[in-house]
Amino acid sequence: INHACMLLKSTDMSISETAEKCGFDNVNYFSRLFKKRMGITPS
């Protein structure tokens, strides 16, 4: 999730590409975990 935060702020990767780069196979699972830990959606 910390790595995803960096990618979301510093690149133009899509949410699904960001999830894959961070080791998540499922973008929906990634989005749920991200919101649970960060209190906000990736977008």
All heavy atoms as atom14 arrays in JSON, in Angstrom:
{
  "sequence": "INHACMLLKSTDMSISETAEKCGFDNVNYFSRLFKKRMGITPS",
  "atom14_mask": [
    [1, 1, 1, 1, 1, 1, 1, 1, 0, 0, 0, 0, 0, 0],
    [1, 1, 1, 1, 1, 1, 1, 1, 0, 0, 0, 0, 0, 0],
    [1, 1, 1, 1, 1, 1, 1, 1, 1, 1, 0, 0, 0, 0],
    [1, 1, 1, 1, 1, 0, 0, 0, 0, 0, 0, 0, 0, 0],
    [1, 1, 1, 1, 1, 1, 0, 0, 0, 0, 0, 0, 0, 0],
    [1, 1, 1, 1, 1, 1, 1, 1, 0, 0, 0, 0, 0, 0],
    [1, 1, 1, 1, 1, 1, 1, 1, 0, 0, 0, 0, 0, 0],
    [1, 1, 1, 1, 1, 1, 1, 1, 0, 0, 0, 0, 0, 0],
    [1, 1, 1, 1, 1, 1, 1, 1, 1, 0, 0, 0, 0, 0],
    [1, 1, 1, 1, 1, 1, 0, 0, 0, 0, 0, 0, 0, 0],
    [1, 1, 1, 1, 1, 1, 1, 0, 0, 0, 0, 0, 0, 0],
    [1, 1, 1, 1, 1, 1, 1, 1, 0, 0, 0, 0, 0, 0],
    [1, 1, 1, 1, 1, 1, 1, 1, 0, 0, 0, 0, 0, 0],
    [1, 1, 1, 1, 1, 1, 0, 0, 0, 0, 0, 0, 0, 0],
    [1, 1, 1, 1, 1, 1, 1, 1, 0, 0, 0, 0, 0, 0],
    [1, 1, 1, 1, 1, 1, 0, 0, 0, 0, 0, 0, 0, 0],
    [1, 1, 1, 1, 1, 1, 1, 1, 1, 0, 0, 0, 0, 0],
    [1, 1, 1, 1, 1, 1, 1, 0, 0, 0, 0, 0, 0, 0],
    [1, 1, 1, 1, 1, 0, 0, 0, 0, 0, 0, 0, 0, 0],
    [1, 1, 1, 1, 1, 1, 1, 1, 1, 0, 0, 0, 0, 0],
    [1, 1, 1, 1, 1, 1, 1, 1, 1, 0, 0, 0, 0, 0],
    [1, 1, 1, 1, 1, 1, 0, 0, 0, 0, 0, 0, 0, 0],
    [1, 1, 1, 1, 0, 0, 0, 0, 0, 0, 0, 0, 0, 0],
    [1, 1, 1, 1, 1, 1, 1, 1, 1, 1, 1, 0, 0, 0],
    [1, 1, 1, 1, 1, 1, 1, 1, 0, 0, 0, 0, 0, 0],
    [1, 1, 1, 1, 1, 1, 1, 1, 0, 0, 0, 0, 0, 0],
    [1, 1, 1, 1, 1, 1, 1, 0, 0, 0, 0, 0, 0, 0],
    [1, 1, 1, 1, 1, 1, 1, 1, 0, 0, 0, 0, 0, 0],
    [1, 1, 1, 1, 1, 1, 1, 1, 1, 1, 1, 1, 0, 0],
    [1, 1, 1, 1, 1, 1, 1, 1, 1, 1, 1, 0, 0, 0],
    [1, 1, 1, 1, 1, 1, 0, 0, 0, 0, 0, 0, 0, 0],
    [1, 1, 1, 1, 1, 1, 1, 1, 1, 1, 1, 0, 0, 0],
    [1, 1, 1, 1, 1, 1, 1, 1, 0, 0, 0, 0, 0, 0],
    [1, 1, 1, 1, 1, 1, 1, 1, 1, 1, 1, 0, 0, 0],
    [1, 1, 1, 1, 1, 1, 1, 1, 1, 0, 0, 0, 0, 0],
    [1, 1, 1, 1, 1, 1, 1, 1, 1, 0, 0, 0, 0, 0],
    [1, 1, 1, 1, 1, 1, 1, 1, 1, 1, 1, 0, 0, 0],
    [1, 1, 1, 1, 1, 1, 1, 1, 0, 0, 0, 0, 0, 0],
    [1, 1, 1, 1, 0, 0, 0, 0, 0, 0, 0, 0, 0, 0],
    [1, 1, 1, 1, 1, 1, 1, 1, 0, 0, 0, 0, 0, 0],
    [1, 1, 1, 1, 1, 1, 1, 0, 0, 0, 0, 0, 0, 0],
    [1, 1, 1, 1, 1, 1, 1, 0, 0, 0, 0, 0, 0, 0],
    [1, 1, 1, 1, 1, 1, 0, 0, 0, 0, 0, 0, 0, 0]
  ],
  "atom14_positions": [
    [[0.84, -1.2, 0.0], [0.0, 0.0, 0.0], [0.87, 1.25, 0.0], [0.58, 2.23, -0.7], [-0.96, 0.0, 1.21], [-1.96, -1.17, 1.11], [-1.7, 1.32, 1.31], [-2.86, -1.13, -0.11], [0.0, 0.0, 0.0], [0.0, 0.0, 0.0], [0.0, 0.0, 0.0], [0.0, 0.0, 0.0], [0.0, 0.0, 0.0], [0.0, 0.0, 0.0]],
    [[1.95, 1.24, 0.78], [2.86, 2.39, 0.79], [3.48, 2.62, -0.59], [3.63, 3.76, -1.03], [3.96, 2.17, 1.83], [3.47, 2.27, 3.25], [2.43, 2.87, 3.51], [4.2, 1.68, 4.18], [0.0, 0.0, 0.0], [0.0, 0.0, 0.0], [0.0, 0.0, 0.0], [0.0, 0.0, 0.0], [0.0, 0.0, 0.0], [0.0, 0.0, 0.0]],
    [[3.82, 1.53, -1.25], [4.38, 1.64, -2.6], [3.32, 2.18, -3.57], [3.62, 3.0, -4.45], [4.88, 0.27, -3.07], [5.65, 0.31, -4.35], [6.77, 1.09, -4.53], [5.47, -0.36, -5.53], [7.24, 0.93, -5.76], [6.47, 0.06, -6.38], [0.0, 0.0, 0.0], [0.0, 0.0, 0.0], [0.0, 0.0, 0.0], [0.0, 0.0, 0.0]],
    [[2.09, 1.73, -3.4], [1.0, 2.21, -4.25], [0.79, 3.71, -4.07], [0.56, 4.43, -5.05], [-0.29, 1.46, -3.91], [0.0, 0.0, 0.0], [0.0, 0.0, 0.0], [0.0, 0.0, 0.0], [0.0, 0.0, 0.0], [0.0, 0.0, 0.0], [0.0, 0.0, 0.0], [0.0, 0.0, 0.0], [0.0, 0.0, 0.0], [0.0, 0.0, 0.0]],
    [[0.89, 4.18, -2.84], [0.76, 5.62, -2.58], [1.8, 6.41, -3.38], [1.48, 7.45, -3.97], [0.91, 5.9, -1.09], [-0.48, 5.35, -0.08], [0.0, 0.0, 0.0], [0.0, 0.0, 0.0], [0.0, 0.0, 0.0], [0.0, 0.0, 0.0], [0.0, 0.0, 0.0], [0.0, 0.0, 0.0], [0.0, 0.0, 0.0], [0.0, 0.0, 0.0]],
    [[3.01, 5.92, -3.38], [4.08, 6.6, -4.12], [3.78, 6.6, -5.62], [3.91, 7.63, -6.29], [5.42, 5.9, -3.84], [6.62, 6.56, -4.49], [6.92, 6.03, -6.2], [7.34, 4.29, -5.96], [0.0, 0.0, 0.0], [0.0, 0.0, 0.0], [0.0, 0.0, 0.0], [0.0, 0.0, 0.0], [0.0, 0.0, 0.0], [0.0, 0.0, 0.0]],
    [[3.34, 5.45, -6.16], [3.05, 5.36, -7.6], [1.87, 6.24, -7.99], [1.89, 6.87, -9.06], [2.78, 3.91, -7.98], [3.96, 2.93, -7.88], [3.51, 1.51, -8.24], [5.1, 3.37, -8.8], [0.0, 0.0, 0.0], [0.0, 0.0, 0.0], [0.0, 0.0, 0.0], [0.0, 0.0, 0.0], [0.0, 0.0, 0.0], [0.0, 0.0, 0.0]],
    [[0.86, 6.29, -7.15], [-0.33, 7.09, -7.47], [0.01, 8.58, -7.55], [-0.58, 9.32, -8.35], [-1.42, 6.86, -6.42], [-2.11, 5.49, -6.48], [-2.93, 5.26, -5.22], [-2.99, 5.37, -7.73], [0.0, 0.0, 0.0], [0.0, 0.0, 0.0], [0.0, 0.0, 0.0], [0.0, 0.0, 0.0], [0.0, 0.0, 0.0], [0.0, 0.0, 0.0]],
    [[0.94, 9.02, -6.74], [1.31, 10.44, -6.71], [2.37, 10.8, -7.76], [2.45, 11.95, -8.19], [1.83, 10.82, -5.32], [0.77, 10.84, -4.23], [-0.25, 11.94, -4.45], [-1.16, 12.1, -3.24], [-2.18, 13.16, -3.43], [0.0, 0.0, 0.0], [0.0, 0.0, 0.0], [0.0, 0.0, 0.0], [0.0, 0.0, 0.0], [0.0, 0.0, 0.0]],
    [[3.18, 9.82, -8.17], [4.34, 10.15, -9.0], [4.26, 9.63, -10.43], [5.14, 9.93, -11.24], [5.61, 9.6, -8.34], [5.57, 8.2, -8.24], [0.0, 0.0, 0.0], [0.0, 0.0, 0.0], [0.0, 0.0, 0.0], [0.0, 0.0, 0.0], [0.0, 0.0, 0.0], [0.0, 0.0, 0.0], [0.0, 0.0, 0.0], [0.0, 0.0, 0.0]],
    [[3.21, 8.86, -10.76], [3.08, 8.32, -12.12], [1.66, 8.53, -12.64], [0.76, 8.91, -11.88], [3.41, 6.81, -12.16], [2.32, 6.07, -11.59], [4.69, 6.49, -11.41], [0.0, 0.0, 0.0], [0.0, 0.0, 0.0], [0.0, 0.0, 0.0], [0.0, 0.0, 0.0], [0.0, 0.0, 0.0], [0.0, 0.0, 0.0], [0.0, 0.0, 0.0]],
    [[1.48, 8.24, -13.93], [0.16, 8.31, -14.55], [-0.43, 6.91, -14.76], [-1.37, 6.75, -15.56], [0.24, 9.04, -15.9], [0.63, 10.49, -15.73], [0.19, 11.1, -14.73], [1.37, 11.01, -16.59], [0.0, 0.0, 0.0], [0.0, 0.0, 0.0], [0.0, 0.0, 0.0], [0.0, 0.0, 0.0], [0.0, 0.0, 0.0], [0.0, 0.0, 0.0]],
    [[0.1, 5.92, -14.08], [-0.42, 4.56, -14.23], [-1.89, 4.51, -13.84], [-2.34, 5.21, -12.93], [0.33, 3.59, -13.3], [1.75, 3.27, -13.7], [2.44, 2.07, -12.53], [4.14, 2.05, -13.09], [0.0, 0.0, 0.0], [0.0, 0.0, 0.0], [0.0, 0.0, 0.0], [0.0, 0.0, 0.0], [0.0, 0.0, 0.0], [0.0, 0.0, 0.0]],
    [[-2.63, 3.65, -14.54], [-4.03, 3.42, -14.16], [-4.07, 2.71, -12.81], [-3.06, 2.18, -12.33], [-4.72, 2.55, -15.21], [-4.17, 1.24, -15.21], [0.0, 0.0, 0.0], [0.0, 0.0, 0.0], [0.0, 0.0, 0.0], [0.0, 0.0, 0.0], [0.0, 0.0, 0.0], [0.0, 0.0, 0.0], [0.0, 0.0, 0.0], [0.0, 0.0, 0.0]],
    [[-5.25, 2.67, -12.2], [-5.4, 2.0, -10.9], [-5.08, 0.51, -11.03], [-4.41, -0.07, -10.17], [-6.83, 2.18, -10.35], [-7.17, 3.68, -10.21], [-6.97, 1.48, -9.0], [-6.23, 4.45, -9.32], [0.0, 0.0, 0.0], [0.0, 0.0, 0.0], [0.0, 0.0, 0.0], [0.0, 0.0, 0.0], [0.0, 0.0, 0.0], [0.0, 0.0, 0.0]],
    [[-5.52, -0.1, -12.12], [-5.25, -1.53, -12.31], [-3.75, -1.79, -12.52], [-3.2, -2.77, -12.01], [-6.05, -2.07, -13.49], [-5.72, -1.39, -14.69], [0.0, 0.0, 0.0], [0.0, 0.0, 0.0], [0.0, 0.0, 0.0], [0.0, 0.0, 0.0], [0.0, 0.0, 0.0], [0.0, 0.0, 0.0], [0.0, 0.0, 0.0], [0.0, 0.0, 0.0]],
    [[-3.08, -0.9, -13.26], [-1.64, -1.05, -13.45], [-0.89, -0.87, -12.13], [0.07, -1.6, -11.83], [-1.13, -0.03, -14.47], [-1.52, -0.33, -15.91], [-1.09, 0.79, -16.85], [-1.21, 1.98, -16.46], [-0.63, 0.47, -17.95], [0.0, 0.0, 0.0], [0.0, 0.0, 0.0], [0.0, 0.0, 0.0], [0.0, 0.0, 0.0], [0.0, 0.0, 0.0]],
    [[-1.35, 0.08, -11.34], [-0.73, 0.31, -10.03], [-0.9, -0.91, -9.15], [0.05, -1.34, -8.48], [-1.37, 1.54, -9.35], [-1.17, 2.69, -10.16], [-0.77, 1.77, -7.97], [0.0, 0.0, 0.0], [0.0, 0.0, 0.0], [0.0, 0.0, 0.0], [0.0, 0.0, 0.0], [0.0, 0.0, 0.0], [0.0, 0.0, 0.0], [0.0, 0.0, 0.0]],
    [[-2.09, -1.48, -9.15], [-2.33, -2.67, -8.34], [-1.39, -3.8, -8.75], [-0.79, -4.47, -7.9], [-3.79, -3.11, -8.5], [0.0, 0.0, 0.0], [0.0, 0.0, 0.0], [0.0, 0.0, 0.0], [0.0, 0.0, 0.0], [0.0, 0.0, 0.0], [0.0, 0.0, 0.0], [0.0, 0.0, 0.0], [0.0, 0.0, 0.0], [0.0, 0.0, 0.0]],
    [[-1.25, -4.01, -10.05], [-0.39, -5.08, -10.54], [1.07, -4.83, -10.16], [1.78, -5.75, -9.75], [-0.53, -5.2, -12.05], [0.25, -6.35, -12.65], [0.06, -6.48, -14.16], [-0.74, -5.69, -14.72], [0.7, -7.36, -14.76], [0.0, 0.0, 0.0], [0.0, 0.0, 0.0], [0.0, 0.0, 0.0], [0.0, 0.0, 0.0], [0.0, 0.0, 0.0]],
    [[1.52, -3.59, -10.3], [2.9, -3.24, -9.97], [3.21, -3.47, -8.49], [4.35, -3.69, -8.1], [3.19, -1.78, -10.31], [3.44, -1.51, -11.79], [4.82, -2.02, -12.19], [5.13, -1.64, -13.63], [6.47, -2.17, -14.05], [0.0, 0.0, 0.0], [0.0, 0.0, 0.0], [0.0, 0.0, 0.0], [0.0, 0.0, 0.0], [0.0, 0.0, 0.0]],
    [[2.16, -3.4, -7.67], [2.35, -3.55, -6.23], [2.11, -4.98, -5.75], [2.15, -5.24, -4.54], [1.42, -2.59, -5.48], [1.83, -0.85, -5.77], [0.0, 0.0, 0.0], [0.0, 0.0, 0.0], [0.0, 0.0, 0.0], [0.0, 0.0, 0.0], [0.0, 0.0, 0.0], [0.0, 0.0, 0.0], [0.0, 0.0, 0.0], [0.0, 0.0, 0.0]],
    [[1.86, -5.89, -6.67], [1.72, -7.29, -6.29], [0.3, -7.78, -6.09], [0.09, -8.9, -5.59], [0.0, 0.0, 0.0], [0.0, 0.0, 0.0], [0.0, 0.0, 0.0], [0.0, 0.0, 0.0], [0.0, 0.0, 0.0], [0.0, 0.0, 0.0], [0.0, 0.0, 0.0], [0.0, 0.0, 0.0], [0.0, 0.0, 0.0], [0.0, 0.0, 0.0]],
    [[-0.7, -6.99, -6.49], [-2.1, -7.39, -6.35], [-2.63, -7.91, -7.7], [-2.55, -7.21, -8.71], [-2.96, -6.21, -5.89], [-2.65, -5.74, -4.5], [-1.86, -4.6, -4.31], [-3.13, -6.41, -3.39], [-1.56, -4.15, -3.04], [-2.84, -5.96, -2.1], [-2.05, -4.83, -1.93], [0.0, 0.0, 0.0], [0.0, 0.0, 0.0], [0.0, 0.0, 0.0]],
    [[-3.19, -9.1, -7.69], [-3.75, -9.68, -8.92], [-5.14, -9.15, -9.23], [-5.58, -9.15, -10.38], [-3.82, -11.22, -8.81], [-2.42, -11.83, -8.73], [-1.49, -11.25, -9.29], [-2.28, -12.89, -8.09], [0.0, 0.0, 0.0], [0.0, 0.0, 0.0], [0.0, 0.0, 0.0], [0.0, 0.0, 0.0], [0.0, 0.0, 0.0], [0.0, 0.0, 0.0]],
    [[-5.83, -8.7, -8.18], [-7.22, -8.27, -8.32], [-7.34, -6.8, -7.94], [-7.07, -6.42, -6.8], [-8.11, -9.15, -7.42], [-9.59, -8.88, -7.62], [-10.05, -7.76, -7.45], [-10.33, -9.92, -7.97], [0.0, 0.0, 0.0], [0.0, 0.0, 0.0], [0.0, 0.0, 0.0], [0.0, 0.0, 0.0], [0.0, 0.0, 0.0], [0.0, 0.0, 0.0]],
    [[-7.75, -5.96, -8.91], [-7.82, -4.53, -8.66], [-8.89, -4.19, -7.64], [-8.74, -3.24, -6.85], [-8.03, -3.75, -9.98], [-9.4, -4.06, -10.57], [-7.85, -2.25, -9.75], [0.0, 0.0, 0.0], [0.0, 0.0, 0.0], [0.0, 0.0, 0.0], [0.0, 0.0, 0.0], [0.0, 0.0, 0.0], [0.0, 0.0, 0.0], [0.0, 0.0, 0.0]],
    [[-9.99, -4.94, -7.61], [-11.04, -4.66, -6.63], [-10.55, -4.95, -5.2], [-10.85, -4.2, -4.26], [-12.29, -5.49, -6.94], [-12.96, -5.06, -8.22], [-12.98, -3.87, -8.56], [-13.52, -6.01, -8.96], [0.0, 0.0, 0.0], [0.0, 0.0, 0.0], [0.0, 0.0, 0.0], [0.0, 0.0, 0.0], [0.0, 0.0, 0.0], [0.0, 0.0, 0.0]],
    [[-9.82, -6.05, -5.05], [-9.25, -6.39, -3.75], [-8.25, -5.31, -3.31], [-8.25, -4.88, -2.16], [-8.56, -7.75, -3.83], [-7.85, -8.19, -2.58], [-8.54, -8.37, -1.39], [-6.48, -8.42, -2.59], [-7.89, -8.78, -0.23], [-5.81, -8.83, -1.45], [-6.52, -9.0, -0.27], [-5.86, -9.41, 0.87], [0.0, 0.0, 0.0], [0.0, 0.0, 0.0]],
    [[-7.44, -4.86, -4.25], [-6.49, -3.78, -3.97], [-7.22, -2.53, -3.51], [-6.83, -1.89, -2.51], [-5.67, -3.48, -5.23], [-4.98, -2.13, -5.2], [-3.93, -1.88, -4.34], [-5.4, -1.12, -6.07], [-3.31, -0.64, -4.32], [-4.77, 0.12, -6.05], [-3.73, 0.37, -5.17], [0.0, 0.0, 0.0], [0.0, 0.0, 0.0], [0.0, 0.0, 0.0]],
    [[-8.27, -2.15, -4.21], [-9.01, -0.93, -3.87], [-9.64, -1.02, -2.48], [-9.64, -0.04, -1.72], [-10.09, -0.66, -4.93], [-9.49, -0.39, -6.18], [0.0, 0.0, 0.0], [0.0, 0.0, 0.0], [0.0, 0.0, 0.0], [0.0, 0.0, 0.0], [0.0, 0.0, 0.0], [0.0, 0.0, 0.0], [0.0, 0.0, 0.0], [0.0, 0.0, 0.0]],
    [[-10.16, -2.21, -2.15], [-10.77, -2.38, -0.82], [-9.71, -2.26, 0.28], [-9.93, -1.58, 1.28], [-11.45, -3.75, -0.72], [-12.76, -3.86, -1.5], [-13.58, -5.05, -1.01], [-12.86, -6.31, -1.1], [-12.83, -7.09, -2.18], [-13.5, -6.72, -3.27], [-12.16, -8.23, -2.17], [0.0, 0.0, 0.0], [0.0, 0.0, 0.0], [0.0, 0.0, 0.0]],
    [[-8.57, -2.9, 0.09], [-7.5, -2.82, 1.09], [-6.96, -1.4, 1.21], [-6.68, -0.92, 2.31], [-6.35, -3.77, 0.71], [-6.54, -5.25, 0.98], [-5.34, -6.04, 0.49], [-6.76, -5.51, 2.47], [0.0, 0.0, 0.0], [0.0, 0.0, 0.0], [0.0, 0.0, 0.0], [0.0, 0.0, 0.0], [0.0, 0.0, 0.0], [0.0, 0.0, 0.0]],
    [[-6.81, -0.74, 0.07], [-6.28, 0.62, 0.07], [-7.21, 1.54, 0.87], [-6.75, 2.31, 1.73], [-6.15, 1.14, -1.36], [-5.39, 2.43, -1.46], [-4.03, 2.42, -1.78], [-6.0, 3.66, -1.26], [-3.32, 3.61, -1.87], [-5.3, 4.85, -1.34], [-3.95, 4.83, -1.65], [0.0, 0.0, 0.0], [0.0, 0.0, 0.0], [0.0, 0.0, 0.0]],
    [[-8.51, 1.45, 0.63], [-9.45, 2.31, 1.34], [-9.49, 1.98, 2.83], [-9.6, 2.87, 3.68], [-10.86, 2.18, 0.74], [-11.86, 3.16, 1.36], [-13.19, 3.13, 0.65], [-14.13, 4.16, 1.28], [-15.45, 4.18, 0.61], [0.0, 0.0, 0.0], [0.0, 0.0, 0.0], [0.0, 0.0, 0.0], [0.0, 0.0, 0.0], [0.0, 0.0, 0.0]],
    [[-9.38, 0.69, 3.16], [-9.4, 0.28, 4.56], [-8.21, 0.87, 5.32], [-8.35, 1.32, 6.47], [-9.36, -1.25, 4.65], [-9.39, -1.79, 6.08], [-9.38, -3.31, 6.08], [-9.39, -3.86, 7.5], [-9.36, -5.35, 7.52], [0.0, 0.0, 0.0], [0.0, 0.0, 0.0], [0.0, 0.0, 0.0], [0.0, 0.0, 0.0], [0.0, 0.0, 0.0]],
    [[-7.04, 0.91, 4.69], [-5.84, 1.4, 5.36], [-5.66, 2.9, 5.26], [-5.14, 3.54, 6.17], [-4.59, 0.69, 4.81], [-4.39, -0.69, 5.42], [-3.38, -1.51, 4.67], [-2.98, -2.69, 5.42], [-3.74, -3.74, 5.65], [-4.98, -3.76, 5.17], [-3.31, -4.76, 6.36], [0.0, 0.0, 0.0], [0.0, 0.0, 0.0], [0.0, 0.0, 0.0]],
    [[-6.07, 3.49, 4.14], [-5.83, 4.91, 3.91], [-7.06, 5.78, 4.14], [-6.97, 7.0, 4.19], [-5.31, 5.13, 2.48], [-4.05, 4.36, 2.13], [-2.66, 4.75, 3.22], [-2.43, 6.49, 2.87], [0.0, 0.0, 0.0], [0.0, 0.0, 0.0], [0.0, 0.0, 0.0], [0.0, 0.0, 0.0], [0.0, 0.0, 0.0], [0.0, 0.0, 0.0]],
    [[-8.24, 5.15, 4.24], [-9.46, 5.91, 4.48], [-9.99, 6.63, 3.25], [-10.85, 7.51, 3.37], [0.0, 0.0, 0.0], [0.0, 0.0, 0.0], [0.0, 0.0, 0.0], [0.0, 0.0, 0.0], [0.0, 0.0, 0.0], [0.0, 0.0, 0.0], [0.0, 0.0, 0.0], [0.0, 0.0, 0.0], [0.0, 0.0, 0.0], [0.0, 0.0, 0.0]],
    [[-9.46, 6.27, 2.09], [-9.85, 6.92, 0.84], [-9.55, 5.96, -0.3], [-8.69, 5.08, -0.18], [-9.07, 8.25, 0.66], [-9.65, 9.09, -0.46], [-7.58, 7.99, 0.46], [-9.04, 10.49, -0.54], [0.0, 0.0, 0.0], [0.0, 0.0, 0.0], [0.0, 0.0, 0.0], [0.0, 0.0, 0.0], [0.0, 0.0, 0.0], [0.0, 0.0, 0.0]],
    [[-10.27, 6.1, -1.42], [-10.03, 5.22, -2.56], [-8.72, 5.6, -3.25], [-8.22, 6.73, -3.08], [-11.16, 5.34, -3.58], [-11.17, 6.68, -4.1], [-12.51, 5.01, -2.96], [0.0, 0.0, 0.0], [0.0, 0.0, 0.0], [0.0, 0.0, 0.0], [0.0, 0.0, 0.0], [0.0, 0.0, 0.0], [0.0, 0.0, 0.0], [0.0, 0.0, 0.0]],
    [[-8.13, 4.69, -4.04], [-6.91, 5.05, -4.78], [-7.08, 6.26, -5.68], [-6.21, 7.13, -5.73], [-6.62, 3.78, -5.59], [-7.23, 2.67, -4.81], [-8.46, 3.25, -4.19], [0.0, 0.0, 0.0], [0.0, 0.0, 0.0], [0.0, 0.0, 0.0], [0.0, 0.0, 0.0], [0.0, 0.0, 0.0], [0.0, 0.0, 0.0], [0.0, 0.0, 0.0]],
    [[-8.21, 6.33, -6.38], [-8.43, 7.49, -7.25], [-8.59, 8.77, -6.45], [-8.12, 9.84, -6.85], [-9.65, 7.25, -8.15], [-10.81, 7.02, -7.35], [0.0, 0.0, 0.0], [0.0, 0.0, 0.0], [0.0, 0.0, 0.0], [0.0, 0.0, 0.0], [0.0, 0.0, 0.0], [0.0, 0.0, 0.0], [0.0, 0.0, 0.0], [0.0, 0.0, 0.0]]
  ]
}
